Amino acid sequence: GINMTLEILQKEMISALKSGNKFRKDVLSTLVGAVKKAGIDNQCRDNIPESLVDTVLIKEQKTMQEMIDTCPAERAETLAAYNEKMKIIKEFAPQLLTDPVEIRASVEAILAEAGIEPVKKNKGLVMKTLMPKFKGKADMGVVNQVIGEVLV
């Protein structure tokens, strides 16, 4: 996907406002606010790096997923709204790899390329090699699970 910037989010928010799509504008407004807050917290308010924008969006997506997962089924309207919000967040958040098969193939390829034997005693090295490759690109829970299965 394209690298997400605060400017893109703001443009989308303004165009939602102009087209009278209040729901979309509100969701984008929340995302813009979260990104700005992260910029202030990380002392980079005037120049927020794309990596930080991605991190914020991944976090917002995760929070929304938790809200969807914990929403009682009888609150159909609320759930529908959450799902709509999620659709909008997903347009902007980097999409994480979640498929264990795909992740496992990558893990094995990276280790082979680095010449690291997938054995338990190499776990530290394995983590150090893999983490930067998957951070912000894959669901780390699934990555950890796959690493656990790969190491013998």
C-alpha atoms as a PDB file:
ATOM      1  CA  GLY A   1       0.000   0.000   0.000  1.00  0.00           C
ATOM      2  CA  ILE A   2       0.948   3.645  -0.068  1.00  0.00           C
ATOM      3  CA  ASN A   3       2.637   5.218   2.889  1.00  0.00           C
ATOM      4  CA  MET A   4       0.083   6.934   5.014  1.00  0.00           C
ATOM      5  CA  THR A   5       0.637  10.497   6.083  1.00  0.00           C
ATOM      6  CA  LEU A   6      -1.242  12.894   8.309  1.00  0.00           C
ATOM      7  CA  GLU A   7      -1.854  15.076   5.218  1.00  0.00           C
ATOM      8  CA  ILE A   8      -3.657  12.252   3.416  1.00  0.00           C
ATOM      9  CA  LEU A   9      -5.863  11.625   6.444  1.00  0.00           C
ATOM     10  CA  GLN A  10      -6.662  15.332   6.728  1.00  0.00           C
ATOM     11  CA  LYS A  11      -7.490  15.600   3.011  1.00  0.00           C
ATOM     12  CA  GLU A  12      -9.818  12.608   3.285  1.00  0.00           C
ATOM     13  CA  MET A  13     -11.452  14.135   6.349  1.00  0.00           C
ATOM     14  CA  ILE A  14     -12.051  17.435   4.530  1.00  0.00           C
ATOM     15  CA  SER A  15     -13.472  15.687   1.477  1.00  0.00           C
ATOM     16  CA  ALA A  16     -15.821  13.648   3.707  1.00  0.00           C
ATOM     17  CA  LEU A  17     -16.907  16.892   5.357  1.00  0.00           C
ATOM     18  CA  LYS A  18     -17.530  18.552   1.983  1.00  0.00           C
ATOM     19  CA  SER A  19     -19.525  15.609   0.698  1.00  0.00           C
ATOM     20  CA  GLY A  20     -21.645  15.659   3.859  1.00  0.00           C
ATOM     21  CA  ASN A  21     -20.566  12.197   4.999  1.00  0.00           C
ATOM     22  CA  LYS A  22     -20.629  12.906   8.723  1.00  0.00           C
ATOM     23  CA  PHE A  23     -19.928   9.318   9.792  1.00  0.00           C
ATOM     24  CA  ARG A  24     -16.788   9.071   7.670  1.00  0.00           C
ATOM     25  CA  LYS A  25     -15.661  12.547   8.706  1.00  0.00           C
ATOM     26  CA  ASP A  26     -16.012  11.615  12.391  1.00  0.00           C
ATOM     27  CA  VAL A  27     -13.985   8.423  12.006  1.00  0.00           C
ATOM     28  CA  LEU A  28     -11.244  10.260  10.115  1.00  0.00           C
ATOM     29  CA  SER A  29     -11.327  13.067  12.636  1.00  0.00           C
ATOM     30  CA  THR A  30     -10.644  10.499  15.390  1.00  0.00           C
ATOM     31  CA  LEU A  31      -7.713   9.072  13.411  1.00  0.00           C
ATOM     32  CA  VAL A  32      -6.276  12.531  12.726  1.00  0.00           C
ATOM     33  CA  GLY A  33      -6.586  13.345  16.430  1.00  0.00           C
ATOM     34  CA  ALA A  34      -4.842  10.128  17.440  1.00  0.00           C
ATOM     35  CA  VAL A  35      -1.989  10.777  14.986  1.00  0.00           C
ATOM     36  CA  LYS A  36      -1.578  14.372  16.197  1.00  0.00           C
ATOM     37  CA  LYS A  37      -1.530  13.221  19.808  1.00  0.00           C
ATOM     38  CA  ALA A  38       1.155  10.636  18.980  1.00  0.00           C
ATOM     39  CA  GLY A  39       3.122  13.392  17.249  1.00  0.00           C
ATOM     40  CA  ILE A  40       3.002  15.525  20.379  1.00  0.00           C
ATOM     41  CA  ASP A  41       3.837  12.565  22.655  1.00  0.00           C
ATOM     42  CA  ASN A  42       6.838  11.717  20.468  1.00  0.00           C
ATOM     43  CA  GLN A  43       8.048  15.325  20.125  1.00  0.00           C
ATOM     44  CA  CYS A  44       7.548  15.331  16.358  1.00  0.00           C
ATOM     45  CA  ARG A  45       4.324  17.313  16.091  1.00  0.00           C
ATOM     46  CA  ASP A  46       5.408  19.315  13.055  1.00  0.00           C
ATOM     47  CA  ASN A  47       6.921  16.445  11.163  1.00  0.00           C
ATOM     48  CA  ILE A  48       5.162  13.181  11.906  1.00  0.00           C
ATOM     49  CA  PRO A  49       6.909  10.250  10.205  1.00  0.00           C
ATOM     50  CA  GLU A  50       4.840   7.775   8.189  1.00  0.00           C
ATOM     51  CA  SER A  51       6.001   4.955  10.442  1.00  0.00           C
ATOM     52  CA  LEU A  52       4.349   6.689  13.418  1.00  0.00           C
ATOM     53  CA  VAL A  53       1.150   7.247  11.427  1.00  0.00           C
ATOM     54  CA  ASP A  54       1.136   3.520  10.579  1.00  0.00           C
ATOM     55  CA  THR A  55       1.710   2.568  14.218  1.00  0.00           C
ATOM     56  CA  VAL A  56      -1.212   4.743  15.337  1.00  0.00           C
ATOM     57  CA  LEU A  57      -3.491   3.332  12.625  1.00  0.00           C
ATOM     58  CA  ILE A  58      -2.568  -0.259  13.507  1.00  0.00           C
ATOM     59  CA  LYS A  59      -3.372   0.518  17.148  1.00  0.00           C
ATOM     60  CA  GLU A  60      -6.708   2.128  16.222  1.00  0.00           C
ATOM     61  CA  GLN A  61      -7.551  -0.886  14.075  1.00  0.00           C
ATOM     62  CA  LYS A  62      -6.708  -3.244  16.931  1.00  0.00           C
ATOM     63  CA  THR A  63      -8.850  -1.253  19.365  1.00  0.00           C
ATOM     64  CA  MET A  64     -11.766  -1.283  16.923  1.00  0.00           C
ATOM     65  CA  GLN A  65     -11.351  -5.040  16.421  1.00  0.00           C
ATOM     66  CA  GLU A  66     -11.529  -5.533  20.197  1.00  0.00           C
ATOM     67  CA  MET A  67     -14.694  -3.424  20.318  1.00  0.00           C
ATOM     68  CA  ILE A  68     -16.213  -5.529  17.535  1.00  0.00           C
ATOM     69  CA  ASP A  69     -15.169  -8.772  19.244  1.00  0.00           C
ATOM     70  CA  THR A  70     -16.612  -7.782  22.609  1.00  0.00           C
ATOM     71  CA  CYS A  71     -19.807  -6.124  21.379  1.00  0.00           C
ATOM     72  CA  PRO A  72     -22.897  -8.107  22.516  1.00  0.00           C
ATOM     73  CA  ALA A  73     -24.756  -9.629  19.565  1.00  0.00           C
ATOM     74  CA  GLU A  74     -28.046  -8.023  20.594  1.00  0.00           C
ATOM     75  CA  ARG A  75     -26.503  -4.575  20.093  1.00  0.00           C
ATOM     76  CA  ALA A  76     -26.796  -5.004  16.345  1.00  0.00           C
ATOM     77  CA  GLU A  77     -26.826  -1.294  15.585  1.00  0.00           C
ATOM     78  CA  THR A  78     -23.671  -0.613  17.567  1.00  0.00           C
ATOM     79  CA  LEU A  79     -21.956  -3.584  15.970  1.00  0.00           C
ATOM     80  CA  ALA A  80     -22.932  -2.376  12.503  1.00  0.00           C
ATOM     81  CA  ALA A  81     -21.458   1.043  13.286  1.00  0.00           C
ATOM     82  CA  TYR A  82     -18.232  -0.552  14.567  1.00  0.00           C
ATOM     83  CA  ASN A  83     -17.951  -2.613  11.393  1.00  0.00           C
ATOM     84  CA  GLU A  84     -18.470   0.500   9.267  1.00  0.00           C
ATOM     85  CA  LYS A  85     -15.767   2.314  11.257  1.00  0.00           C
ATOM     86  CA  MET A  86     -13.462  -0.657  10.808  1.00  0.00           C
ATOM     87  CA  LYS A  87     -13.929  -0.521   7.023  1.00  0.00           C
ATOM     88  CA  ILE A  88     -12.835   3.117   7.025  1.00  0.00           C
ATOM     89  CA  ILE A  89      -9.850   2.469   9.320  1.00  0.00           C
ATOM     90  CA  LYS A  90      -8.761  -0.417   7.082  1.00  0.00           C
ATOM     91  CA  GLU A  91      -8.646   1.903   4.080  1.00  0.00           C
ATOM     92  CA  PHE A  92      -5.778   3.742   5.747  1.00  0.00           C
ATOM     93  CA  ALA A  93      -4.124   1.302   8.131  1.00  0.00           C
ATOM     94  CA  PRO A  94      -1.349  -0.858   6.751  1.00  0.00           C
ATOM     95  CA  GLN A  95      -2.812  -4.323   6.329  1.00  0.00           C
ATOM     96  CA  LEU A  96      -0.999  -6.829   8.467  1.00  0.00           C
ATOM     97  CA  LEU A  97      -0.196 -10.331   7.347  1.00  0.00           C
ATOM     98  CA  THR A  98      -2.198 -12.711   9.500  1.00  0.00           C
ATOM     99  CA  ASP A  99      -1.969 -15.928   7.498  1.00  0.00           C
ATOM    100  CA  PRO A 100       0.263 -18.374   9.415  1.00  0.00           C
ATOM    101  CA  VAL A 101       1.118 -20.258   6.223  1.00  0.00           C
ATOM    102  CA  GLU A 102       2.334 -17.107   4.502  1.00  0.00           C
ATOM    103  CA  ILE A 103       4.192 -15.935   7.617  1.00  0.00           C
ATOM    104  CA  ARG A 104       5.819 -19.329   8.057  1.00  0.00           C
ATOM    105  CA  ALA A 105       7.072 -19.313   4.468  1.00  0.00           C
ATOM    106  CA  SER A 106       8.621 -15.878   5.064  1.00  0.00           C
ATOM    107  CA  VAL A 107      10.144 -16.930   8.383  1.00  0.00           C
ATOM    108  CA  GLU A 108      11.752 -19.989   6.807  1.00  0.00           C
ATOM    109  CA  ALA A 109      13.016 -18.008   3.808  1.00  0.00           C
ATOM    110  CA  ILE A 110      14.516 -15.251   5.984  1.00  0.00           C
ATOM    111  CA  LEU A 111      16.252 -17.746   8.269  1.00  0.00           C
ATOM    112  CA  ALA A 112      17.606 -19.747   5.319  1.00  0.00           C
ATOM    113  CA  GLU A 113      18.898 -16.562   3.721  1.00  0.00           C
ATOM    114  CA  ALA A 114      20.559 -15.463   6.956  1.00  0.00           C
ATOM    115  CA  GLY A 115      21.996 -18.958   7.445  1.00  0.00           C
ATOM    116  CA  ILE A 116      20.368 -19.312  10.856  1.00  0.00           C
ATOM    117  CA  GLU A 117      19.451 -22.798  11.935  1.00  0.00           C
ATOM    118  CA  PRO A 118      15.875 -22.856  13.298  1.00  0.00           C
ATOM    119  CA  VAL A 119      16.745 -24.465  16.614  1.00  0.00           C
ATOM    120  CA  LYS A 120      15.608 -23.369  20.066  1.00  0.00           C
ATOM    121  CA  LYS A 121      19.079 -22.323  21.192  1.00  0.00           C
ATOM    122  CA  ASN A 122      19.138 -19.768  18.366  1.00  0.00           C
ATOM    123  CA  LYS A 123      15.865 -18.215  19.506  1.00  0.00           C
ATOM    124  CA  GLY A 124      17.433 -14.860  20.453  1.00  0.00           C
ATOM    125  CA  LEU A 125      19.145 -14.547  17.095  1.00  0.00           C
ATOM    126  CA  VAL A 126      16.015 -15.704  15.287  1.00  0.00           C
ATOM    127  CA  MET A 127      13.912 -13.031  17.035  1.00  0.00           C
ATOM    128  CA  LYS A 128      16.506 -10.330  16.388  1.00  0.00           C
ATOM    129  CA  THR A 129      16.607 -11.263  12.697  1.00  0.00           C
ATOM    130  CA  LEU A 130      12.872 -11.587  12.168  1.00  0.00           C
ATOM    131  CA  MET A 131      11.322  -8.851  14.289  1.00  0.00           C
ATOM    132  CA  PRO A 132      12.437  -5.867  12.168  1.00  0.00           C
ATOM    133  CA  LYS A 133      11.217  -7.684   9.043  1.00  0.00           C
ATOM    134  CA  PHE A 134       7.715  -8.225  10.412  1.00  0.00           C
ATOM    135  CA  LYS A 135       7.178  -5.191  12.635  1.00  0.00           C
ATOM    136  CA  GLY A 136       4.280  -3.186  11.234  1.00  0.00           C
ATOM    137  CA  LYS A 137       3.816  -5.740   8.464  1.00  0.00           C
ATOM    138  CA  ALA A 138       2.435  -8.768  10.246  1.00  0.00           C
ATOM    139  CA  ASP A 139       0.398  -9.687  13.292  1.00  0.00           C
ATOM    140  CA  MET A 140       3.141 -10.220  15.875  1.00  0.00           C
ATOM    141  CA  GLY A 141       1.028 -12.725  17.794  1.00  0.00           C
ATOM    142  CA  VAL A 142       0.905 -14.954  14.737  1.00  0.00           C
ATOM    143  CA  VAL A 143       4.616 -14.356  14.033  1.00  0.00           C
ATOM    144  CA  ASN A 144       5.531 -15.461  17.549  1.00  0.00           C
ATOM    145  CA  GLN A 145       3.329 -18.526  17.252  1.00  0.00           C
ATOM    146  CA  VAL A 146       4.933 -19.474  13.914  1.00  0.00           C
ATOM    147  CA  ILE A 147       8.450 -18.968  15.309  1.00  0.00           C
ATOM    148  CA  GLY A 148       7.502 -21.266  18.180  1.00  0.00           C
ATOM    149  CA  GLU A 149       6.462 -23.942  15.675  1.00  0.00           C
ATOM    150  CA  VAL A 150       9.482 -23.510  13.428  1.00  0.00           C
ATOM    151  CA  LEU A 151      12.121 -23.751  16.163  1.00  0.00           C
ATOM    152  CA  VAL A 152      12.965 -27.364  16.982  1.00  0.00           C
END
